[in-house]
C-alpha atoms as a PDB file:
ATOM      1  CA  MET A   1      88.789 110.046  66.674  1.00  0.00           C
ATOM      2  CA  LEU A   2      90.797 111.508  69.589  1.00  0.00           C
ATOM      3  CA  SER A   3      88.668 114.685  69.617  1.00  0.00           C
ATOM      4  CA  ARG A   4      85.549 112.553  69.630  1.00  0.00           C
ATOM      5  CA  ILE A   5      86.773 110.433  72.548  1.00  0.00           C
ATOM      6  CA  TRP A   6      87.748 113.570  74.494  1.00  0.00           C
ATOM      7  CA  THR A   7      84.319 115.108  73.905  1.00  0.00           C
ATOM      8  CA  LEU A   8      82.679 111.935  75.190  1.00  0.00           C
ATOM      9  CA  THR A   9      85.122 111.990  78.149  1.00  0.00           C
ATOM     10  CA  LYS A  10      84.052 115.481  79.102  1.00  0.00           C
ATOM     11  CA  VAL A  11      80.473 114.343  78.978  1.00  0.00           C
ATOM     12  CA  GLU A  12      81.265 111.420  81.306  1.00  0.00           C
ATOM     13  CA  LEU A  13      83.083 113.718  83.750  1.00  0.00           C
ATOM     14  CA  TYR A  14      80.198 116.165  83.663  1.00  0.00           C
ATOM     15  CA  LYS A  15      77.737 113.402  84.440  1.00  0.00           C
ATOM     16  CA  LEU A  16      79.968 112.330  87.284  1.00  0.00           C
ATOM     17  CA  SER A  17      80.207 115.868  88.666  1.00  0.00           C
ATOM     18  CA  ARG A  18      76.424 115.979  88.803  1.00  0.00           C
ATOM     19  CA  GLN A  19      76.195 112.984  91.084  1.00  0.00           C
ATOM     20  CA  LYS A  20      75.919 113.541  94.841  1.00  0.00           C
ATOM     21  CA  LEU A  21      77.806 110.293  95.350  1.00  0.00           C
ATOM     22  CA  PHE A  22      80.988 111.837  94.083  1.00  0.00           C
ATOM     23  CA  TYR A  23      80.935 114.714  96.538  1.00  0.00           C
ATOM     24  CA  ILE A  24      79.785 112.558  99.488  1.00  0.00           C
ATOM     25  CA  GLY A  25      82.642 110.217  98.802  1.00  0.00           C
ATOM     26  CA  LEU A  26      85.107 113.051  98.390  1.00  0.00           C
ATOM     27  CA  CYS A  27      84.087 114.550 101.727  1.00  0.00           C
ATOM     28  CA  LEU A  28      84.247 111.207 103.442  1.00  0.00           C
ATOM     29  CA  VAL A  29      87.771 110.483 102.075  1.00  0.00           C
ATOM     30  CA  LEU A  30      89.096 113.920 103.112  1.00  0.00           C
ATOM     31  CA  ALA A  31      87.499 113.570 106.544  1.00  0.00           C
ATOM     32  CA  VAL A  32      89.177 110.167 107.000  1.00  0.00           C
ATOM     33  CA  VAL A  33      92.528 111.628 105.907  1.00  0.00           C
ATOM     34  CA  ALA A  34      92.197 114.577 108.317  1.00  0.00           C
ATOM     35  CA  LEU A  35      91.182 112.397 111.260  1.00  0.00           C
ATOM     36  CA  SER A  36      94.048 109.954 110.595  1.00  0.00           C
ATOM     37  CA  VAL A  37      96.610 112.755 110.435  1.00  0.00           C
ATOM     38  CA  LEU A  38      95.309 114.520 113.538  1.00  0.00           C
ATOM     39  CA  THR A  39      95.040 111.389 115.728  1.00  0.00           C
ATOM     40  CA  GLU A  40      98.324 109.714 114.711  1.00  0.00           C
ATOM     41  CA  LYS A  41     100.637 109.128 117.665  1.00  0.00           C
ATOM     42  CA  PRO A  42     104.452 108.864 117.554  1.00  0.00           C
ATOM     43  CA  ALA A  43     105.882 105.333 117.498  1.00  0.00           C
ATOM     44  CA  GLY A  44     107.739 104.441 120.680  1.00  0.00           C
ATOM     45  CA  ASP A  45     108.024 107.314 123.177  1.00  0.00           C
ATOM     46  CA  ALA A  46     104.589 108.935 123.458  1.00  0.00           C
ATOM     47  CA  LYS A  47     106.191 112.155 124.754  1.00  0.00           C
ATOM     48  CA  ALA A  48     108.415 112.539 121.713  1.00  0.00           C
ATOM     49  CA  PRO A  49     107.494 115.193 119.113  1.00  0.00           C
ATOM     50  CA  VAL A  50     105.546 113.823 116.137  1.00  0.00           C
ATOM     51  CA  ASN A  51     107.334 113.628 112.878  1.00  0.00           C
ATOM     52  CA  GLY A  52     104.911 114.590 110.125  1.00  0.00           C
ATOM     53  CA  PHE A  53     105.870 111.680 107.978  1.00  0.00           C
ATOM     54  CA  GLY A  54     104.038 109.230 110.244  1.00  0.00           C
ATOM     55  CA  PRO A  55     100.708 111.098 110.117  1.00  0.00           C
ATOM     56  CA  LEU A  56     101.223 111.693 106.375  1.00  0.00           C
ATOM     57  CA  VAL A  57     101.435 107.951 105.714  1.00  0.00           C
ATOM     58  CA  ALA A  58      98.612 107.143 108.098  1.00  0.00           C
ATOM     59  CA  GLY A  59      96.346 109.632 106.342  1.00  0.00           C
ATOM     60  CA  CYS A  60      97.167 108.239 102.912  1.00  0.00           C
ATOM     61  CA  LEU A  61      96.722 104.631 103.985  1.00  0.00           C
ATOM     62  CA  ASN A  62      93.280 105.215 105.454  1.00  0.00           C
ATOM     63  CA  GLY A  63      92.281 107.573 102.699  1.00  0.00           C
ATOM     64  CA  PHE A  64      93.001 105.077 100.019  1.00  0.00           C
ATOM     65  CA  ARG A  65      91.167 102.318 101.890  1.00  0.00           C
ATOM     66  CA  ILE A  66      88.005 104.357 101.433  1.00  0.00           C
ATOM     67  CA  THR A  67      88.892 105.535  97.903  1.00  0.00           C
ATOM     68  CA  VAL A  68      89.170 101.927  96.623  1.00  0.00           C
ATOM     69  CA  PHE A  69      85.477 101.298  97.288  1.00  0.00           C
ATOM     70  CA  LEU A  70      84.511 104.709  95.959  1.00  0.00           C
ATOM     71  CA  ILE A  71      86.411 104.099  92.696  1.00  0.00           C
ATOM     72  CA  LEU A  72      84.813 100.628  92.453  1.00  0.00           C
ATOM     73  CA  VAL A  73      81.340 102.155  92.775  1.00  0.00           C
ATOM     74  CA  ILE A  74      82.115 104.801  90.120  1.00  0.00           C
ATOM     75  CA  GLY A  75      83.555 102.175  87.760  1.00  0.00           C
ATOM     76  CA  GLY A  76      80.653  99.798  88.364  1.00  0.00           C
ATOM     77  CA  LEU A  77      78.092 102.470  87.605  1.00  0.00           C
ATOM     78  CA  LEU A  78      79.780 103.920  84.485  1.00  0.00           C
ATOM     79  CA  PHE A  79      78.321 101.492  81.935  1.00  0.00           C
ATOM     80  CA  ALA A  80      75.719  99.475  83.834  1.00  0.00           C
ATOM     81  CA  SER A  81      73.760 102.684  84.730  1.00  0.00           C
ATOM     82  CA  GLU A  82      73.387 103.429  81.012  1.00  0.00           C
ATOM     83  CA  THR A  83      71.645 100.094  80.609  1.00  0.00           C
ATOM     84  CA  THR A  84      69.657 100.373  83.839  1.00  0.00           C
ATOM     85  CA  PHE A  85      68.234 103.790  82.939  1.00  0.00           C
ATOM     86  CA  GLY A  86      67.795 102.953  79.237  1.00  0.00           C
ATOM     87  CA  THR A  87      70.168 105.658  77.959  1.00  0.00           C
ATOM     88  CA  LEU A  88      72.564 103.295  76.124  1.00  0.00           C
ATOM     89  CA  LYS A  89      70.333 102.928  73.096  1.00  0.00           C
ATOM     90  CA  THR A  90      69.856 106.665  72.869  1.00  0.00           C
ATOM     91  CA  ILE A  91      73.613 107.254  73.008  1.00  0.00           C
ATOM     92  CA  LEU A  92      74.318 104.694  70.328  1.00  0.00           C
ATOM     93  CA  ILE A  93      71.756 106.248  67.960  1.00  0.00           C
ATOM     94  CA  ALA A  94      74.343 108.942  67.372  1.00  0.00           C
ATOM     95  CA  PRO A  95      77.315 108.088  65.108  1.00  0.00           C
ATOM     96  CA  ILE A  96      79.488 106.933  68.031  1.00  0.00           C
ATOM     97  CA  ARG A  97      81.606 103.821  67.984  1.00  0.00           C
ATOM     98  CA  ARG A  98      81.120 101.614  70.996  1.00  0.00           C
ATOM     99  CA  SER A  99      84.878 101.392  71.425  1.00  0.00           C
ATOM    100  CA  ASP A 100      85.020 105.225  71.566  1.00  0.00           C
ATOM    101  CA  LEU A 101      82.376 105.243  74.270  1.00  0.00           C
ATOM    102  CA  ILE A 102      84.290 102.689  76.360  1.00  0.00           C
ATOM    103  CA  LEU A 103      87.574 104.507  75.910  1.00  0.00           C
ATOM    104  CA  ALA A 104      85.914 107.734  77.076  1.00  0.00           C
ATOM    105  CA  LYS A 105      84.736 105.942  80.173  1.00  0.00           C
ATOM    106  CA  VAL A 106      88.258 104.490  80.664  1.00  0.00           C
ATOM    107  CA  LEU A 107      89.625 108.049  80.534  1.00  0.00           C
ATOM    108  CA  SER A 108      87.088 109.194  83.055  1.00  0.00           C
ATOM    109  CA  VAL A 109      88.174 106.451  85.435  1.00  0.00           C
ATOM    110  CA  ILE A 110      91.787 107.424  84.942  1.00  0.00           C
ATOM    111  CA  ILE A 111      91.152 111.067  85.525  1.00  0.00           C
ATOM    112  CA  THR A 112      89.030 110.359  88.587  1.00  0.00           C
ATOM    113  CA  ALA A 113      91.701 108.060  90.090  1.00  0.00           C
ATOM    114  CA  ILE A 114      94.392 110.658  89.510  1.00  0.00           C
ATOM    115  CA  THR A 115      92.137 113.388  91.033  1.00  0.00           C
ATOM    116  CA  PHE A 116      91.476 111.446  94.143  1.00  0.00           C
ATOM    117  CA  THR A 117      95.162 110.443  94.472  1.00  0.00           C
ATOM    118  CA  LEU A 118      96.292 114.036  94.264  1.00  0.00           C
ATOM    119  CA  LEU A 119      93.637 115.256  96.713  1.00  0.00           C
ATOM    120  CA  ILE A 120      94.486 112.592  99.283  1.00  0.00           C
ATOM    121  CA  GLU A 121      98.162 113.198  98.927  1.00  0.00           C
ATOM    122  CA  ALA A 122      97.991 116.983  98.961  1.00  0.00           C
ATOM    123  CA  SER A 123      95.632 117.181 101.936  1.00  0.00           C
ATOM    124  CA  ALA A 124      97.684 114.669 104.012  1.00  0.00           C
ATOM    125  CA  LEU A 125     100.904 116.428 103.081  1.00  0.00           C
ATOM    126  CA  ILE A 126      99.706 119.941 103.853  1.00  0.00           C
ATOM    127  CA  LEU A 127      97.977 118.935 107.041  1.00  0.00           C
ATOM    128  CA  SER A 128     100.947 116.916 108.328  1.00  0.00           C
ATOM    129  CA  TRP A 129     103.358 119.686 107.544  1.00  0.00           C
ATOM    130  CA  ALA A 130     101.135 122.326 109.129  1.00  0.00           C
ATOM    131  CA  MET A 131     100.503 120.366 112.337  1.00  0.00           C
ATOM    132  CA  TYR A 132     103.791 118.609 112.937  1.00  0.00           C
ATOM    133  CA  GLY A 133     106.418 119.611 110.420  1.00  0.00           C
ATOM    134  CA  PHE A 134     108.863 117.131 108.838  1.00  0.00           C
ATOM    135  CA  ALA A 135     112.120 115.970 110.300  1.00  0.00           C
ATOM    136  CA  ALA A 136     114.791 113.400 109.527  1.00  0.00           C
ATOM    137  CA  ILE A 137     114.138 109.740 110.250  1.00  0.00           C
ATOM    138  CA  THR A 138     116.079 108.559 113.270  1.00  0.00           C
ATOM    139  CA  ASP A 139     116.565 105.215 114.990  1.00  0.00           C
ATOM    140  CA  PRO A 140     113.770 104.544 117.549  1.00  0.00           C
ATOM    141  CA  THR A 141     116.276 103.319 120.119  1.00  0.00           C
ATOM    142  CA  PHE A 142     119.087 105.802 119.443  1.00  0.00           C
ATOM    143  CA  PRO A 143     117.474 109.140 118.306  1.00  0.00           C
ATOM    144  CA  GLU A 144     120.849 110.619 117.591  1.00  0.00           C
ATOM    145  CA  MET A 145     121.351 108.121 114.745  1.00  0.00           C
ATOM    146  CA  VAL A 146     119.856 109.514 111.558  1.00  0.00           C
ATOM    147  CA  HIS A 147     118.736 106.951 108.983  1.00  0.00           C
ATOM    148  CA  LEU A 148     117.275 109.284 106.417  1.00  0.00           C
ATOM    149  CA  SER A 149     117.372 113.072 105.925  1.00  0.00           C
ATOM    150  CA  LYS A 150     114.214 114.961 105.510  1.00  0.00           C
ATOM    151  CA  ALA A 151     114.989 115.533 101.817  1.00  0.00           C
ATOM    152  CA  ASP A 152     115.510 111.820 101.172  1.00  0.00           C
ATOM    153  CA  MET A 153     112.244 110.940 102.881  1.00  0.00           C
ATOM    154  CA  LEU A 154     110.364 113.551 100.825  1.00  0.00           C
ATOM    155  CA  ILE A 155     111.801 111.986  97.675  1.00  0.00           C
ATOM    156  CA  PHE A 156     110.685 108.536  98.811  1.00  0.00           C
ATOM    157  CA  THR A 157     107.276 109.992  99.543  1.00  0.00           C
ATOM    158  CA  ILE A 158     107.035 111.292  95.976  1.00  0.00           C
ATOM    159  CA  TYR A 159     108.021 107.894  94.653  1.00  0.00           C
ATOM    160  CA  THR A 160     105.238 106.335  96.684  1.00  0.00           C
ATOM    161  CA  PHE A 161     102.594 108.787  95.416  1.00  0.00           C
ATOM    162  CA  LEU A 162     103.626 108.245  91.798  1.00  0.00           C
ATOM    163  CA  HIS A 163     103.059 104.484  92.153  1.00  0.00           C
ATOM    164  CA  ILE A 164      99.744 104.439  94.027  1.00  0.00           C
ATOM    165  CA  VAL A 165      97.675 105.744  91.108  1.00  0.00           C
ATOM    166  CA  LEU A 166      98.463 102.721  88.861  1.00  0.00           C
ATOM    167  CA  PRO A 167      96.738 100.046  90.896  1.00  0.00           C
ATOM    168  CA  LEU A 168      93.939 102.452  91.809  1.00  0.00           C
ATOM    169  CA  ILE A 169      93.216 103.013  88.116  1.00  0.00           C
ATOM    170  CA  THR A 170      93.259  99.208  87.613  1.00  0.00           C
ATOM    171  CA  ILE A 171      90.762  98.716  90.344  1.00  0.00           C
ATOM    172  CA  GLY A 172      88.430 101.340  88.713  1.00  0.00           C
ATOM    173  CA  LEU A 173      88.841  99.645  85.338  1.00  0.00           C
ATOM    174  CA  MET A 174      87.869  96.324  86.894  1.00  0.00           C
ATOM    175  CA  GLY A 175      84.672  97.893  88.069  1.00  0.00           C
ATOM    176  CA  LEU A 176      84.071  99.270  84.549  1.00  0.00           C
ATOM    177  CA  PHE A 177      84.595  95.835  83.061  1.00  0.00           C
ATOM    178  CA  ILE A 178      82.080  94.269  85.436  1.00  0.00           C
ATOM    179  CA  SER A 179      79.611  96.989  84.553  1.00  0.00           C
ATOM    180  CA  THR A 180      79.809  95.958  80.847  1.00  0.00           C
ATOM    181  CA  LEU A 181      78.826  92.433  81.766  1.00  0.00           C
ATOM    182  CA  VAL A 182      76.020  93.185  84.236  1.00  0.00           C
ATOM    183  CA  GLU A 183      73.075  95.224  83.156  1.00  0.00           C
ATOM    184  CA  ASN A 184      71.858  96.192  86.654  1.00  0.00           C
ATOM    185  CA  SER A 185      74.042  98.942  88.078  1.00  0.00           C
ATOM    186  CA  GLY A 186      73.500  97.951  91.720  1.00  0.00           C
ATOM    187  CA  ILE A 187      74.452  94.308  91.015  1.00  0.00           C
ATOM    188  CA  ALA A 188      77.445  95.505  89.053  1.00  0.00           C
ATOM    189  CA  VAL A 189      78.732  97.530  91.985  1.00  0.00           C
ATOM    190  CA  ALA A 190      78.063  94.722  94.444  1.00  0.00           C
ATOM    191  CA  ILE A 191      79.912  92.169  92.276  1.00  0.00           C
ATOM    192  CA  SER A 192      82.890  94.552  91.808  1.00  0.00           C
ATOM    193  CA  ILE A 193      83.225  95.026  95.571  1.00  0.00           C
ATOM    194  CA  ILE A 194      82.858  91.345  96.302  1.00  0.00           C
ATOM    195  CA  ILE A 195      85.550  90.425  93.730  1.00  0.00           C
ATOM    196  CA  TYR A 196      87.913  93.040  95.162  1.00  0.00           C
ATOM    197  CA  LEU A 197      87.316  91.765  98.726  1.00  0.00           C
ATOM    198  CA  VAL A 198      87.953  88.179  97.660  1.00  0.00           C
ATOM    199  CA  LEU A 199      91.180  89.240  95.920  1.00  0.00           C
ATOM    200  CA  ASP A 200      92.319  91.434  98.911  1.00  0.00           C
ATOM    201  CA  PHE A 201      91.404  89.252 101.836  1.00  0.00           C
ATOM    202  CA  PHE A 202      91.373  85.744 100.381  1.00  0.00           C
ATOM    203  CA  MET A 203      93.688  85.442  97.435  1.00  0.00           C
ATOM    204  CA  VAL A 204      96.468  87.579  98.847  1.00  0.00           C
ATOM    205  CA  GLY A 205      96.395  85.837 102.210  1.00  0.00           C
ATOM    206  CA  LEU A 206      95.941  82.298 100.989  1.00  0.00           C
ATOM    207  CA  PHE A 207      98.286  82.334  97.969  1.00  0.00           C
ATOM    208  CA  GLU A 208     101.232  84.443  99.160  1.00  0.00           C
ATOM    209  CA  ASN A 209     103.479  83.252  96.334  1.00  0.00           C
ATOM    210  CA  LEU A 210     100.992  84.339  93.703  1.00  0.00           C
ATOM    211  CA  SER A 211      99.802  87.544  95.434  1.00  0.00           C
ATOM    212  CA  SER A 212     102.574  89.614  93.751  1.00  0.00           C
ATOM    213  CA  TYR A 213     100.908  88.883  90.436  1.00  0.00           C
ATOM    214  CA  LEU A 214      97.604  90.479  91.548  1.00  0.00           C
ATOM    215  CA  PHE A 215      97.129  94.174  90.798  1.00  0.00           C
ATOM    216  CA  ASN A 216      95.555  94.931  94.205  1.00  0.00           C
ATOM    217  CA  TYR A 217      98.661  93.733  95.932  1.00  0.00           C
ATOM    218  CA  TYR A 218     100.496  96.914  94.901  1.00  0.00           C
ATOM    219  CA  LEU A 219      98.020  99.456  96.218  1.00  0.00           C
ATOM    220  CA  ASN A 220      99.727  99.625  99.591  1.00  0.00           C
ATOM    221  CA  TYR A 221     103.014  98.128  98.391  1.00  0.00           C
ATOM    222  CA  TYR A 222     105.024 101.310  98.813  1.00  0.00           C
ATOM    223  CA  LEU A 223     102.847 102.990 101.349  1.00  0.00           C
ATOM    224  CA  ALA A 224     103.372 100.172 103.800  1.00  0.00           C
ATOM    225  CA  THR A 225     107.094 100.306 103.272  1.00  0.00           C
ATOM    226  CA  LEU A 226     107.050 104.107 103.705  1.00  0.00           C
ATOM    227  CA  LYS A 227     105.182 103.585 106.999  1.00  0.00           C
ATOM    228  CA  ASP A 228     107.911 101.210 108.254  1.00  0.00           C
ATOM    229  CA  ILE A 229     110.621 103.656 107.156  1.00  0.00           C
ATOM    230  CA  SER A 230     108.873 106.553 108.892  1.00  0.00           C
ATOM    231  CA  GLU A 231     109.085 104.482 112.143  1.00  0.00           C
ATOM    232  CA  GLY A 232     112.858 103.786 111.645  1.00  0.00           C
ATOM    233  CA  VAL A 233     112.498 100.269 110.159  1.00  0.00           C
ATOM    234  CA  MET A 234     114.795 100.198 107.126  1.00  0.00           C
ATOM    235  CA  GLN A 235     114.633  96.614 105.894  1.00  0.00           C
ATOM    236  CA  GLU A 236     112.588  97.399 102.765  1.00  0.00           C
ATOM    237  CA  ILE A 237     114.335 100.639 101.829  1.00  0.00           C
ATOM    238  CA  TRP A 238     115.840  98.852  98.798  1.00  0.00           C
ATOM    239  CA  LYS A 239     112.527  99.393  96.982  1.00  0.00           C
ATOM    240  CA  PHE A 240     113.054 103.150  96.927  1.00  0.00           C
ATOM    241  CA  LYS A 241     116.766 102.761  96.261  1.00  0.00           C
ATOM    242  CA  ALA A 242     115.979 100.657  93.223  1.00  0.00           C
ATOM    243  CA  ILE A 243     113.484 103.229  91.959  1.00  0.00           C
ATOM    244  CA  GLY A 244     116.059 105.907  92.308  1.00  0.00           C
ATOM    245  CA  GLN A 245     118.574 103.812  90.329  1.00  0.00           C
ATOM    246  CA  PHE A 246     116.047 103.369  87.517  1.00  0.00           C
ATOM    247  CA  LEU A 247     115.420 107.144  87.450  1.00  0.00           C
ATOM    248  CA  GLY A 248     119.141 107.848  87.490  1.00  0.00           C
ATOM    249  CA  VAL A 249     119.052 109.613  90.849  1.00  0.00           C
ATOM    250  CA  LYS A 250     122.428 109.659  92.509  1.00  0.00           C
ATOM    251  CA  GLN A 251     122.276 108.198  96.006  1.00  0.00           C
ATOM    252  CA  GLU A 252     124.842 107.597  98.751  1.00  0.00           C
ATOM    253  CA  ASP A 253     125.111 104.152 100.295  1.00  0.00           C
ATOM    254  CA  VAL A 254     122.886 102.522  97.708  1.00  0.00           C
ATOM    255  CA  GLY A 255     124.298  99.095  98.423  1.00  0.00           C
ATOM    256  CA  MET A 256     123.743  96.004  96.390  1.00  0.00           C
ATOM    257  CA  ILE A 257     120.363  95.715  94.718  1.00  0.00           C
ATOM    258  CA  ASP A 258     120.237  92.319  93.105  1.00  0.00           C
ATOM    259  CA  ALA A 259     118.344  91.324  89.975  1.00  0.00           C
ATOM    260  CA  ALA A 260     115.491  89.765  91.965  1.00  0.00           C
ATOM    261  CA  ARG A 261     114.782  92.975  93.862  1.00  0.00           C
ATOM    262  CA  LYS A 262     114.982  95.056  90.675  1.00  0.00           C
ATOM    263  CA  PHE A 263     112.487  92.657  89.185  1.00  0.00           C
ATOM    264  CA  GLU A 264     110.097  93.105  92.036  1.00  0.00           C
ATOM    265  CA  VAL A 265     110.164  96.908  91.548  1.00  0.00           C
ATOM    266  CA  ILE A 266     109.608  96.530  87.782  1.00  0.00           C
ATOM    267  CA  LYS A 267     106.760  94.085  88.515  1.00  0.00           C
ATOM    268  CA  SER A 268     105.058  96.598  90.758  1.00  0.00           C
ATOM    269  CA  LEU A 269     104.769  98.920  87.761  1.00  0.00           C
ATOM    270  CA  VAL A 270     104.103  96.362  85.018  1.00  0.00           C
ATOM    271  CA  ILE A 271     101.496  94.159  86.703  1.00  0.00           C
ATOM    272  CA  PRO A 272      98.833  96.946  87.166  1.00  0.00           C
ATOM    273  CA  VAL A 273      99.447  98.201  83.608  1.00  0.00           C
ATOM    274  CA  ILE A 274      98.989  94.652  82.197  1.00  0.00           C
ATOM    275  CA  TYR A 275      95.724  94.167  84.095  1.00  0.00           C
ATOM    276  CA  SER A 276      94.492  97.627  83.001  1.00  0.00           C
ATOM    277  CA  ILE A 277      95.110  96.750  79.332  1.00  0.00           C
ATOM    278  CA  ILE A 278      93.234  93.406  79.827  1.00  0.00           C
ATOM    279  CA  PHE A 279      90.241  95.140  81.472  1.00  0.00           C
ATOM    280  CA  ILE A 280      90.102  97.755  78.702  1.00  0.00           C
ATOM    281  CA  ILE A 281      90.194  95.226  75.891  1.00  0.00           C
ATOM    282  CA  SER A 282      87.674  92.944  77.630  1.00  0.00           C
ATOM    283  CA  SER A 283      85.357  95.867  78.183  1.00  0.00           C
ATOM    284  CA  ILE A 284      85.486  96.822  74.479  1.00  0.00           C
ATOM    285  CA  ILE A 285      84.776  93.213  73.424  1.00  0.00           C
ATOM    286  CA  ALA A 286      81.917  92.850  75.936  1.00  0.00           C
ATOM    287  CA  VAL A 287      80.204  96.027  74.691  1.00  0.00           C
ATOM    288  CA  ASN A 288      80.679  95.201  71.034  1.00  0.00           C
ATOM    289  CA  ARG A 289      78.903  91.873  71.688  1.00  0.00           C
ATOM    290  CA  LYS A 290      75.937  93.552  73.278  1.00  0.00           C
ATOM    291  CA  ASN A 291      72.704  93.822  71.271  1.00  0.00           C
ATOM    292  CA  SER A 292      71.481  97.412  71.001  1.00  0.00           C
END
């Protein structure tokens, strides 16, 4: 079963690699990252040297804003395009379980999301380091006061990168689920984007108390905090301190991290995973109910 799913996954990735959309989107994302890094200005004193952590975060933030829509398009096309072009019946003639086909498409979404995450992170990191270099985080008002060493900031950056991929995968799986419900690939993509925009701009803003239970809430959860920290704003540093505690990393001046804050960090990991599982199961059920 596993070998069959992996074979189907390689087929899905091959089909994706043959699409111009993939490369156009990749070039667009990398261009946005590069422009964001190169045009970032230091917070506060414009004459001060630029610390590479600021451009690094700016590049990632803007890169992922574009990647969200690209991953939605890819997810929305994965299954609906098979119906649109009439290839689904041909595929199912072979002795392939529908659940195996969906799981292969799920794996292709996961691999694609991880690939884009690594490309964005690596390009922003390398370009920021080459152009500006990295330095300790100091107080904007009193530059001689060091808040975080360069090593600590790099560790927090790694924490951030590891958490971004979870909500990004969930967003792609939402697009895949929509594509199992809608037979037209263009409509599936449009519905996926509209739902995401409603969640991101309407639900999060209108229902602030419930927004932390939405998977899209966590896409910029750590990046936004890392941006504040790179500018010397330390109020939300407890998020990274809590992650360090969970990982068993020894830290100085950890301070008190209460149960509520620990729960918020755990929730940032668990919520996207729960939604991902729901989208995968729902996609399998939707495909099994289709007439072939």
